[in-house]
Amino acid sequence: GSFAFKSPDIVVTVNDKNITRKDFAFEYENYVAANKMQMPNVPDKFFQSEEQLRRVLGLIIEKELLFQAAENMGLSVGVSEVQNSIMEMSGFKDGSGKFNLAVYDGALKRRGIKKSEFEDEIRKLLLIGKLQKVVMAAADLSEEEALANFRSLQETREVDYIFFPSSDSTKQA
């Protein structure tokens, strides 16, 4: 740390979003776990090198920038999308291949992760995935189609609802 840091808990700031030590630790654990699955014989000391720590930091910054870009474009992910994504994860299924809430809760508890934090992370990843799809879809378009696509993403709609009791309409029917 130094006097330039707002808090010793902040690792880096991406635009106005602070990335904390806890955020870094979460990403680092995921990075190590994913790489150990692919390279089980690599010693733990390898992942503790400055180069690997910088790589994780770079991945965090990249993910945050993509997330912010997706939000700035107005992309969103609904609660049901997050739930469906989690329910499809093989690590949370029982022996019959169905989602098991107890398995889910146990896995998060073992990793020391709150449900809300995990679900926020899944939402971020899904949002980044949507951004990537938008970018890839635009890559196959002509200039006019890309411009029309961009304009449609910038459009907003305003919807008004009028609620009335169903008894009013059944009398008339």
N, C-alpha and C. Protein backbone atom coordinates (compact mmCIF):
# COMPACT_ATOMS: atom_id res chain seq x y z
N GLY A 1 0.81 -1.19 0.00
CA GLY A 1 0.00 0.00 0.00
C GLY A 1 0.86 1.26 0.00
N SER A 2 0.21 2.37 -0.24
CA SER A 2 0.89 3.65 -0.19
C SER A 2 -0.13 4.71 0.14
N PHE A 3 0.33 5.94 0.23
CA PHE A 3 -0.59 7.03 0.53
C PHE A 3 -1.57 7.30 -0.60
N ALA A 4 -1.26 6.82 -1.79
CA ALA A 4 -2.13 7.04 -2.95
C ALA A 4 -3.39 6.18 -2.87
N PHE A 5 -3.34 5.06 -2.13
CA PHE A 5 -4.50 4.19 -2.04
C PHE A 5 -5.54 4.76 -1.09
N LYS A 6 -6.80 4.60 -1.45
CA LYS A 6 -7.88 5.05 -0.58
C LYS A 6 -8.00 4.13 0.63
N SER A 7 -7.73 2.87 0.42
CA SER A 7 -7.86 1.87 1.47
C SER A 7 -6.86 0.76 1.20
N PRO A 8 -6.29 0.19 2.25
CA PRO A 8 -5.36 -0.92 2.02
C PRO A 8 -6.09 -2.16 1.51
N ASP A 9 -7.41 -2.16 1.57
CA ASP A 9 -8.20 -3.29 1.10
C ASP A 9 -8.42 -3.25 -0.41
N ILE A 10 -8.20 -2.10 -1.04
CA ILE A 10 -8.44 -1.95 -2.48
C ILE A 10 -7.18 -2.35 -3.24
N VAL A 11 -7.35 -3.30 -4.16
CA VAL A 11 -6.22 -3.78 -4.96
C VAL A 11 -6.04 -2.88 -6.18
N VAL A 12 -7.15 -2.57 -6.85
CA VAL A 12 -7.11 -1.74 -8.05
C VAL A 12 -8.49 -1.11 -8.24
N THR A 13 -8.52 0.01 -8.95
CA THR A 13 -9.79 0.65 -9.28
C THR A 13 -9.93 0.65 -10.80
N VAL A 14 -11.05 0.12 -11.28
CA VAL A 14 -11.34 0.06 -12.71
C VAL A 14 -12.49 1.02 -12.98
N ASN A 15 -12.19 2.12 -13.67
CA ASN A 15 -13.11 3.24 -13.80
C ASN A 15 -13.48 3.67 -12.38
N ASP A 16 -14.65 3.61 -11.93
CA ASP A 16 -14.90 4.01 -10.54
C ASP A 16 -15.20 2.82 -9.64
N LYS A 17 -14.94 1.62 -10.13
CA LYS A 17 -15.23 0.40 -9.37
C LYS A 17 -13.98 -0.09 -8.66
N ASN A 18 -14.06 -0.19 -7.33
CA ASN A 18 -12.94 -0.69 -6.54
C ASN A 18 -12.94 -2.22 -6.52
N ILE A 19 -11.80 -2.80 -6.78
CA ILE A 19 -11.62 -4.25 -6.68
C ILE A 19 -10.87 -4.49 -5.37
N THR A 20 -11.49 -5.24 -4.48
CA THR A 20 -10.94 -5.45 -3.15
C THR A 20 -10.07 -6.71 -3.09
N ARG A 21 -9.39 -6.86 -1.97
CA ARG A 21 -8.59 -8.07 -1.75
C ARG A 21 -9.48 -9.31 -1.79
N LYS A 22 -10.68 -9.17 -1.27
CA LYS A 22 -11.62 -10.31 -1.28
C LYS A 22 -11.97 -10.70 -2.72
N ASP A 23 -12.22 -9.69 -3.57
CA ASP A 23 -12.50 -9.96 -4.99
C ASP A 23 -11.31 -10.65 -5.63
N PHE A 24 -10.11 -10.15 -5.33
CA PHE A 24 -8.90 -10.72 -5.91
C PHE A 24 -8.73 -12.17 -5.44
N ALA A 25 -8.94 -12.41 -4.14
CA ALA A 25 -8.79 -13.77 -3.59
C ALA A 25 -9.76 -14.73 -4.27
N PHE A 26 -11.00 -14.28 -4.49
CA PHE A 26 -12.00 -15.12 -5.16
C PHE A 26 -11.54 -15.49 -6.56
N GLU A 27 -11.10 -14.50 -7.33
CA GLU A 27 -10.64 -14.74 -8.70
C GLU A 27 -9.38 -15.61 -8.72
N TYR A 28 -8.49 -15.36 -7.77
CA TYR A 28 -7.25 -16.14 -7.69
C TYR A 28 -7.56 -17.61 -7.42
N GLU A 29 -8.46 -17.88 -6.47
CA GLU A 29 -8.84 -19.27 -6.17
C GLU A 29 -9.44 -19.95 -7.40
N ASN A 30 -10.31 -19.24 -8.12
CA ASN A 30 -10.90 -19.80 -9.33
C ASN A 30 -9.84 -20.08 -10.39
N TYR A 31 -8.90 -19.15 -10.54
CA TYR A 31 -7.81 -19.29 -11.51
C TYR A 31 -6.96 -20.51 -11.19
N VAL A 32 -6.57 -20.64 -9.93
CA VAL A 32 -5.73 -21.78 -9.52
C VAL A 32 -6.49 -23.09 -9.71
N ALA A 33 -7.75 -23.13 -9.28
CA ALA A 33 -8.55 -24.36 -9.40
C ALA A 33 -8.71 -24.77 -10.86
N ALA A 34 -9.01 -23.82 -11.73
CA ALA A 34 -9.19 -24.13 -13.15
C ALA A 34 -7.89 -24.64 -13.77
N ASN A 35 -6.78 -24.02 -13.42
CA ASN A 35 -5.50 -24.43 -13.99
C ASN A 35 -5.01 -25.75 -13.41
N LYS A 36 -5.32 -26.02 -12.15
CA LYS A 36 -4.91 -27.29 -11.54
C LYS A 36 -5.67 -28.46 -12.16
N MET A 37 -6.89 -28.20 -12.62
CA MET A 37 -7.64 -29.27 -13.29
C MET A 37 -6.96 -29.64 -14.59
N GLN A 38 -6.42 -28.66 -15.29
CA GLN A 38 -5.75 -28.90 -16.56
C GLN A 38 -4.31 -29.36 -16.38
N MET A 39 -3.66 -28.87 -15.31
CA MET A 39 -2.24 -29.19 -15.06
C MET A 39 -2.07 -29.61 -13.60
N PRO A 40 -2.52 -30.83 -13.25
CA PRO A 40 -2.51 -31.23 -11.84
C PRO A 40 -1.10 -31.35 -11.21
N ASN A 41 -0.08 -31.50 -12.02
CA ASN A 41 1.27 -31.69 -11.47
C ASN A 41 2.03 -30.39 -11.23
N VAL A 42 1.43 -29.26 -11.56
CA VAL A 42 2.10 -27.98 -11.35
C VAL A 42 2.08 -27.66 -9.85
N PRO A 43 3.25 -27.33 -9.28
CA PRO A 43 3.29 -27.04 -7.84
C PRO A 43 2.58 -25.72 -7.51
N ASP A 44 2.07 -25.63 -6.26
CA ASP A 44 1.37 -24.43 -5.80
C ASP A 44 2.25 -23.19 -5.90
N LYS A 45 3.54 -23.37 -5.71
CA LYS A 45 4.47 -22.24 -5.73
C LYS A 45 4.43 -21.51 -7.08
N PHE A 46 4.17 -22.26 -8.16
CA PHE A 46 4.08 -21.67 -9.49
C PHE A 46 3.00 -20.58 -9.53
N PHE A 47 1.85 -20.84 -8.90
CA PHE A 47 0.73 -19.91 -8.93
C PHE A 47 0.95 -18.71 -8.02
N GLN A 48 1.94 -18.79 -7.15
CA GLN A 48 2.22 -17.69 -6.24
C GLN A 48 3.28 -16.74 -6.79
N SER A 49 3.74 -17.00 -8.01
CA SER A 49 4.75 -16.12 -8.60
C SER A 49 4.13 -14.77 -8.96
N GLU A 50 4.96 -13.76 -9.04
CA GLU A 50 4.47 -12.41 -9.38
C GLU A 50 3.80 -12.41 -10.74
N GLU A 51 4.36 -13.16 -11.67
CA GLU A 51 3.78 -13.23 -13.02
C GLU A 51 2.35 -13.75 -12.99
N GLN A 52 2.11 -14.81 -12.21
CA GLN A 52 0.77 -15.38 -12.13
C GLN A 52 -0.20 -14.44 -11.40
N LEU A 53 0.30 -13.78 -10.37
CA LEU A 53 -0.55 -12.82 -9.64
C LEU A 53 -0.93 -11.65 -10.55
N ARG A 54 0.02 -11.20 -11.36
CA ARG A 54 -0.29 -10.13 -12.33
C ARG A 54 -1.27 -10.61 -13.39
N ARG A 55 -1.14 -11.86 -13.79
CA ARG A 55 -2.07 -12.42 -14.79
C ARG A 55 -3.49 -12.41 -14.23
N VAL A 56 -3.65 -12.82 -12.98
CA VAL A 56 -4.98 -12.82 -12.35
C VAL A 56 -5.51 -11.39 -12.27
N LEU A 57 -4.67 -10.46 -11.89
CA LEU A 57 -5.09 -9.06 -11.82
C LEU A 57 -5.53 -8.57 -13.20
N GLY A 58 -4.79 -8.93 -14.23
CA GLY A 58 -5.17 -8.55 -15.59
C GLY A 58 -6.52 -9.13 -15.99
N LEU A 59 -6.76 -10.38 -15.61
CA LEU A 59 -8.05 -11.02 -15.91
C LEU A 59 -9.20 -10.32 -15.19
N ILE A 60 -8.94 -9.90 -13.95
CA ILE A 60 -9.96 -9.18 -13.18
C ILE A 60 -10.29 -7.85 -13.86
N ILE A 61 -9.27 -7.14 -14.26
CA ILE A 61 -9.47 -5.84 -14.91
C ILE A 61 -10.23 -6.02 -16.22
N GLU A 62 -9.82 -7.00 -17.00
CA GLU A 62 -10.48 -7.27 -18.28
C GLU A 62 -11.96 -7.62 -18.07
N LYS A 63 -12.23 -8.48 -17.10
CA LYS A 63 -13.61 -8.88 -16.84
C LYS A 63 -14.44 -7.68 -16.39
N GLU A 64 -13.89 -6.85 -15.53
CA GLU A 64 -14.63 -5.68 -15.05
C GLU A 64 -14.90 -4.70 -16.18
N LEU A 65 -13.93 -4.49 -17.07
CA LEU A 65 -14.14 -3.59 -18.21
C LEU A 65 -15.22 -4.12 -19.14
N LEU A 66 -15.22 -5.42 -19.39
CA LEU A 66 -16.25 -6.02 -20.24
C LEU A 66 -17.62 -5.91 -19.58
N PHE A 67 -17.66 -6.15 -18.28
CA PHE A 67 -18.91 -6.04 -17.54
C PHE A 67 -19.46 -4.61 -17.62
N GLN A 68 -18.61 -3.64 -17.40
CA GLN A 68 -19.04 -2.24 -17.46
C GLN A 68 -19.50 -1.87 -18.87
N ALA A 69 -18.81 -2.36 -19.88
CA ALA A 69 -19.21 -2.08 -21.27
C ALA A 69 -20.59 -2.66 -21.55
N ALA A 70 -20.84 -3.88 -21.07
CA ALA A 70 -22.14 -4.52 -21.28
C ALA A 70 -23.25 -3.72 -20.60
N GLU A 71 -22.99 -3.29 -19.38
CA GLU A 71 -23.99 -2.47 -18.68
C GLU A 71 -24.22 -1.14 -19.38
N ASN A 72 -23.14 -0.52 -19.86
CA ASN A 72 -23.26 0.76 -20.57
C ASN A 72 -24.06 0.62 -21.85
N MET A 73 -24.03 -0.56 -22.46
CA MET A 73 -24.81 -0.80 -23.68
C MET A 73 -26.27 -1.10 -23.37
N GLY A 74 -26.58 -1.25 -22.09
CA GLY A 74 -27.96 -1.52 -21.70
C GLY A 74 -28.30 -2.99 -21.68
N LEU A 75 -27.31 -3.85 -21.78
CA LEU A 75 -27.57 -5.29 -21.71
C LEU A 75 -27.89 -5.66 -20.27
N SER A 76 -28.69 -6.69 -20.09
CA SER A 76 -29.04 -7.10 -18.73
C SER A 76 -29.24 -8.61 -18.69
N VAL A 77 -29.21 -9.13 -17.48
CA VAL A 77 -29.42 -10.55 -17.24
C VAL A 77 -30.48 -10.67 -16.15
N GLY A 78 -31.50 -11.43 -16.43
CA GLY A 78 -32.58 -11.60 -15.47
C GLY A 78 -32.27 -12.64 -14.41
N VAL A 79 -33.03 -12.60 -13.33
CA VAL A 79 -32.87 -13.54 -12.23
C VAL A 79 -33.05 -14.97 -12.72
N SER A 80 -34.03 -15.19 -13.58
CA SER A 80 -34.28 -16.55 -14.07
C SER A 80 -33.11 -17.07 -14.91
N GLU A 81 -32.44 -16.19 -15.65
CA GLU A 81 -31.27 -16.60 -16.43
C GLU A 81 -30.15 -17.07 -15.51
N VAL A 82 -29.95 -16.35 -14.41
CA VAL A 82 -28.93 -16.73 -13.43
C VAL A 82 -29.29 -18.07 -12.81
N GLN A 83 -30.55 -18.22 -12.41
CA GLN A 83 -31.00 -19.46 -11.78
C GLN A 83 -30.83 -20.64 -12.74
N ASN A 84 -31.25 -20.46 -13.98
CA ASN A 84 -31.14 -21.55 -14.96
C ASN A 84 -29.69 -21.93 -15.19
N SER A 85 -28.81 -20.95 -15.24
CA SER A 85 -27.39 -21.22 -15.46
C SER A 85 -26.82 -22.03 -14.31
N ILE A 86 -27.15 -21.64 -13.10
CA ILE A 86 -26.66 -22.36 -11.92
C ILE A 86 -27.22 -23.78 -11.89
N MET A 87 -28.49 -23.92 -12.22
CA MET A 87 -29.11 -25.25 -12.19
C MET A 87 -28.53 -26.19 -13.24
N GLU A 88 -27.89 -25.64 -14.27
CA GLU A 88 -27.28 -26.46 -15.32
C GLU A 88 -25.84 -26.87 -14.98
N MET A 89 -25.27 -26.28 -13.94
CA MET A 89 -23.88 -26.58 -13.59
C MET A 89 -23.78 -27.99 -13.00
N SER A 90 -22.90 -28.78 -13.58
CA SER A 90 -22.80 -30.19 -13.18
C SER A 90 -22.37 -30.36 -11.73
N GLY A 91 -21.63 -29.42 -11.18
CA GLY A 91 -21.16 -29.52 -9.81
C GLY A 91 -22.25 -29.42 -8.77
N PHE A 92 -23.45 -29.01 -9.18
CA PHE A 92 -24.55 -28.85 -8.23
C PHE A 92 -25.66 -29.88 -8.46
N LYS A 93 -25.34 -30.93 -9.20
CA LYS A 93 -26.35 -31.95 -9.48
C LYS A 93 -26.09 -33.18 -8.62
N ASP A 94 -27.18 -33.89 -8.33
CA ASP A 94 -27.06 -35.11 -7.55
C ASP A 94 -26.76 -36.30 -8.48
N GLY A 95 -26.79 -37.50 -7.94
CA GLY A 95 -26.47 -38.70 -8.71
C GLY A 95 -27.39 -38.94 -9.89
N SER A 96 -28.62 -38.43 -9.81
CA SER A 96 -29.58 -38.63 -10.91
C SER A 96 -29.46 -37.55 -11.98
N GLY A 97 -28.56 -36.60 -11.77
CA GLY A 97 -28.35 -35.54 -12.76
C GLY A 97 -29.27 -34.34 -12.60
N LYS A 98 -29.98 -34.28 -11.47
CA LYS A 98 -30.87 -33.15 -11.22
C LYS A 98 -30.21 -32.18 -10.25
N PHE A 99 -30.55 -30.89 -10.41
CA PHE A 99 -30.03 -29.87 -9.50
C PHE A 99 -30.44 -30.20 -8.08
N ASN A 100 -29.49 -30.07 -7.15
CA ASN A 100 -29.75 -30.37 -5.75
C ASN A 100 -29.35 -29.16 -4.91
N LEU A 101 -30.32 -28.56 -4.25
CA LEU A 101 -30.07 -27.36 -3.46
C LEU A 101 -29.08 -27.62 -2.32
N ALA A 102 -29.14 -28.80 -1.71
CA ALA A 102 -28.22 -29.12 -0.61
C ALA A 102 -26.79 -29.21 -1.13
N VAL A 103 -26.61 -29.78 -2.31
CA VAL A 103 -25.28 -29.87 -2.92
C VAL A 103 -24.77 -28.46 -3.23
N TYR A 104 -25.64 -27.63 -3.76
CA TYR A 104 -25.30 -26.24 -4.08
C TYR A 104 -24.88 -25.48 -2.83
N ASP A 105 -25.71 -25.56 -1.79
CA ASP A 105 -25.41 -24.87 -0.53
C ASP A 105 -24.10 -25.37 0.07
N GLY A 106 -23.90 -26.69 0.05
CA GLY A 106 -22.68 -27.28 0.61
C GLY A 106 -21.43 -26.84 -0.14
N ALA A 107 -21.51 -26.79 -1.46
CA ALA A 107 -20.36 -26.39 -2.27
C ALA A 107 -19.98 -24.94 -1.99
N LEU A 108 -20.96 -24.08 -1.88
CA LEU A 108 -20.68 -22.67 -1.58
C LEU A 108 -20.13 -22.50 -0.17
N LYS A 109 -20.68 -23.26 0.75
CA LYS A 109 -20.22 -23.17 2.14
C LYS A 109 -18.76 -23.62 2.26
N ARG A 110 -18.41 -24.70 1.57
CA ARG A 110 -17.02 -25.19 1.61
C ARG A 110 -16.04 -24.16 1.06
N ARG A 111 -16.47 -23.40 0.07
CA ARG A 111 -15.60 -22.37 -0.51
C ARG A 111 -15.71 -21.04 0.22
N GLY A 112 -16.62 -20.94 1.18
CA GLY A 112 -16.77 -19.71 1.95
C GLY A 112 -17.36 -18.58 1.13
N ILE A 113 -18.28 -18.92 0.22
CA ILE A 113 -18.89 -17.93 -0.66
C ILE A 113 -20.38 -17.79 -0.32
N LYS A 114 -20.84 -16.57 -0.21
CA LYS A 114 -22.26 -16.31 0.00
C LYS A 114 -23.00 -16.54 -1.31
N LYS A 115 -24.26 -16.97 -1.20
CA LYS A 115 -25.07 -17.18 -2.40
C LYS A 115 -25.15 -15.92 -3.25
N SER A 116 -25.38 -14.79 -2.60
CA SER A 116 -25.54 -13.54 -3.33
C SER A 116 -24.26 -13.19 -4.11
N GLU A 117 -23.09 -13.44 -3.51
CA GLU A 117 -21.83 -13.16 -4.19
C GLU A 117 -21.66 -14.08 -5.40
N PHE A 118 -21.96 -15.36 -5.22
CA PHE A 118 -21.83 -16.32 -6.31
C PHE A 118 -22.80 -15.98 -7.44
N GLU A 119 -24.03 -15.66 -7.10
CA GLU A 119 -25.03 -15.34 -8.11
C GLU A 119 -24.67 -14.05 -8.84
N ASP A 120 -24.09 -13.07 -8.13
CA ASP A 120 -23.63 -11.85 -8.79
C ASP A 120 -22.51 -12.17 -9.79
N GLU A 121 -21.62 -13.07 -9.41
CA GLU A 121 -20.53 -13.47 -10.30
C GLU A 121 -21.08 -14.16 -11.56
N ILE A 122 -22.05 -15.03 -11.39
CA ILE A 122 -22.68 -15.70 -12.53
C ILE A 122 -23.38 -14.67 -13.41
N ARG A 123 -24.05 -13.71 -12.80
CA ARG A 123 -24.72 -12.66 -13.58
C ARG A 123 -23.70 -11.88 -14.40
N LYS A 124 -22.55 -11.56 -13.80
CA LYS A 124 -21.50 -10.85 -14.54
C LYS A 124 -21.03 -11.67 -15.73
N LEU A 125 -20.79 -12.95 -15.50
CA LEU A 125 -20.30 -13.81 -16.59
C LEU A 125 -21.33 -13.94 -17.71
N LEU A 126 -22.59 -14.06 -17.35
CA LEU A 126 -23.65 -14.15 -18.36
C LEU A 126 -23.76 -12.84 -19.14
N LEU A 127 -23.62 -11.73 -18.45
CA LEU A 127 -23.68 -10.42 -19.10
C LEU A 127 -22.52 -10.25 -20.07
N ILE A 128 -21.33 -10.67 -19.66
CA ILE A 128 -20.17 -10.60 -20.56
C ILE A 128 -20.39 -11.51 -21.76
N GLY A 129 -21.00 -12.67 -21.53
CA GLY A 129 -21.33 -13.57 -22.64
C GLY A 129 -22.28 -12.92 -23.63
N LYS A 130 -23.26 -12.19 -23.13
CA LYS A 130 -24.18 -11.47 -24.03
C LYS A 130 -23.45 -10.41 -24.83
N LEU A 131 -22.54 -9.70 -24.18
CA LEU A 131 -21.74 -8.69 -24.87
C LEU A 131 -20.93 -9.34 -26.00
N GLN A 132 -20.32 -10.47 -25.70
CA GLN A 132 -19.53 -11.16 -26.71
C GLN A 132 -20.40 -11.60 -27.90
N LYS A 133 -21.62 -12.05 -27.61
CA LYS A 133 -22.53 -12.44 -28.69
C LYS A 133 -22.90 -11.24 -29.57
N VAL A 134 -23.14 -10.09 -28.93
CA VAL A 134 -23.47 -8.88 -29.68
C VAL A 134 -22.31 -8.49 -30.58
N VAL A 135 -21.11 -8.54 -30.03
CA VAL A 135 -19.92 -8.18 -30.81
C VAL A 135 -19.73 -9.16 -31.97
N MET A 136 -19.87 -10.44 -31.69
CA MET A 136 -19.68 -11.45 -32.74
C MET A 136 -20.76 -11.35 -33.81
N ALA A 137 -21.99 -11.07 -33.40
CA ALA A 137 -23.07 -10.93 -34.37
C ALA A 137 -22.80 -9.75 -35.29
N ALA A 138 -22.28 -8.68 -34.72
CA ALA A 138 -21.99 -7.49 -35.52
C ALA A 138 -20.83 -7.74 -36.48
N ALA A 139 -19.97 -8.69 -36.18
CA ALA A 139 -18.81 -8.97 -37.04
C ALA A 139 -19.23 -9.53 -38.40
N ASP A 140 -20.38 -10.19 -38.45
CA ASP A 140 -20.86 -10.79 -39.69
C ASP A 140 -21.80 -9.87 -40.47
N LEU A 141 -22.00 -8.67 -40.00
CA LEU A 141 -22.95 -7.77 -40.62
C LEU A 141 -22.26 -6.80 -41.57
N SER A 142 -23.04 -6.31 -42.51
CA SER A 142 -22.54 -5.24 -43.35
C SER A 142 -22.50 -3.96 -42.51
N GLU A 143 -21.90 -2.92 -43.06
CA GLU A 143 -21.80 -1.66 -42.30
C GLU A 143 -23.18 -1.12 -41.97
N GLU A 144 -24.12 -1.21 -42.91
CA GLU A 144 -25.48 -0.72 -42.67
C GLU A 144 -26.18 -1.55 -41.60
N GLU A 145 -26.01 -2.87 -41.66
CA GLU A 145 -26.63 -3.74 -40.67
C GLU A 145 -26.04 -3.51 -39.28
N ALA A 146 -24.73 -3.32 -39.22
CA ALA A 146 -24.07 -3.06 -37.94
C ALA A 146 -24.58 -1.75 -37.34
N LEU A 147 -24.74 -0.72 -38.17
CA LEU A 147 -25.24 0.56 -37.69
C LEU A 147 -26.68 0.43 -37.20
N ALA A 148 -27.50 -0.32 -37.94
CA ALA A 148 -28.89 -0.53 -37.52
C ALA A 148 -28.93 -1.32 -36.20
N ASN A 149 -28.04 -2.31 -36.07
CA ASN A 149 -27.96 -3.09 -34.83
C ASN A 149 -27.56 -2.20 -33.66
N PHE A 150 -26.56 -1.36 -33.87
CA PHE A 150 -26.10 -0.44 -32.83
C PHE A 150 -27.24 0.50 -32.42
N ARG A 151 -27.94 1.04 -33.40
CA ARG A 151 -29.04 1.96 -33.09
C ARG A 151 -30.15 1.25 -32.32
N SER A 152 -30.43 0.00 -32.67
CA SER A 152 -31.50 -0.72 -31.97
C SER A 152 -31.11 -0.99 -30.51
N LEU A 153 -29.81 -1.19 -30.26
CA LEU A 153 -29.35 -1.39 -28.88
C LEU A 153 -29.47 -0.11 -28.06
N GLN A 154 -29.43 1.04 -28.72
CA GLN A 154 -29.52 2.31 -28.03
C GLN A 154 -30.96 2.74 -27.78
N GLU A 155 -31.90 2.08 -28.44
CA GLU A 155 -33.30 2.45 -28.30
C GLU A 155 -33.82 2.10 -26.92
N THR A 156 -34.76 2.88 -26.46
CA THR A 156 -35.45 2.58 -25.20
C THR A 156 -36.94 2.60 -25.46
N ARG A 157 -37.66 1.92 -24.65
CA ARG A 157 -39.11 1.87 -24.76
C ARG A 157 -39.70 2.30 -23.43
N GLU A 158 -40.83 2.97 -23.51
CA GLU A 158 -41.55 3.34 -22.29
C GLU A 158 -42.90 2.66 -22.36
N VAL A 159 -43.21 1.91 -21.33
CA VAL A 159 -44.45 1.15 -21.31
C VAL A 159 -45.25 1.58 -20.08
N ASP A 160 -46.52 1.85 -20.28
CA ASP A 160 -47.41 2.18 -19.18
C ASP A 160 -48.38 1.03 -19.00
N TYR A 161 -48.72 0.75 -17.77
CA TYR A 161 -49.67 -0.30 -17.46
C TYR A 161 -50.88 0.31 -16.78
N ILE A 162 -52.01 -0.24 -17.10
CA ILE A 162 -53.24 0.16 -16.42
C ILE A 162 -53.81 -1.10 -15.81
N PHE A 163 -53.97 -1.10 -14.51
CA PHE A 163 -54.51 -2.25 -13.81
C PHE A 163 -55.97 -1.99 -13.47
N PHE A 164 -56.80 -2.99 -13.73
CA PHE A 164 -58.20 -2.85 -13.38
C PHE A 164 -58.69 -4.22 -12.90
N PRO A 165 -59.66 -4.22 -12.03
CA PRO A 165 -60.16 -5.49 -11.48
C PRO A 165 -60.82 -6.34 -12.56
N SER A 166 -60.59 -7.63 -12.50
CA SER A 166 -61.18 -8.52 -13.49
C SER A 166 -62.71 -8.57 -13.38
N SER A 167 -63.20 -8.25 -12.20
CA SER A 167 -64.67 -8.27 -12.01
C SER A 167 -65.34 -7.26 -12.91
N ASP A 168 -64.66 -6.14 -13.25
CA ASP A 168 -65.24 -5.14 -14.14
C ASP A 168 -65.49 -5.71 -15.53
N SER A 169 -64.57 -6.50 -16.02
CA SER A 169 -64.73 -7.03 -17.37
C SER A 169 -65.65 -8.24 -17.42
N THR A 170 -65.71 -9.02 -16.35
CA THR A 170 -66.60 -10.18 -16.37
C THR A 170 -68.07 -9.78 -16.36
N LYS A 171 -68.38 -8.63 -15.76
CA LYS A 171 -69.77 -8.15 -15.77
C LYS A 171 -70.20 -7.79 -17.18
N GLN A 172 -69.26 -7.21 -17.93
CA GLN A 172 -69.57 -6.78 -19.30
C GLN A 172 -69.60 -7.98 -20.26
N ALA A 173 -68.83 -9.01 -19.96
CA ALA A 173 -68.79 -10.17 -20.84
C ALA A 173 -70.07 -10.94 -20.68
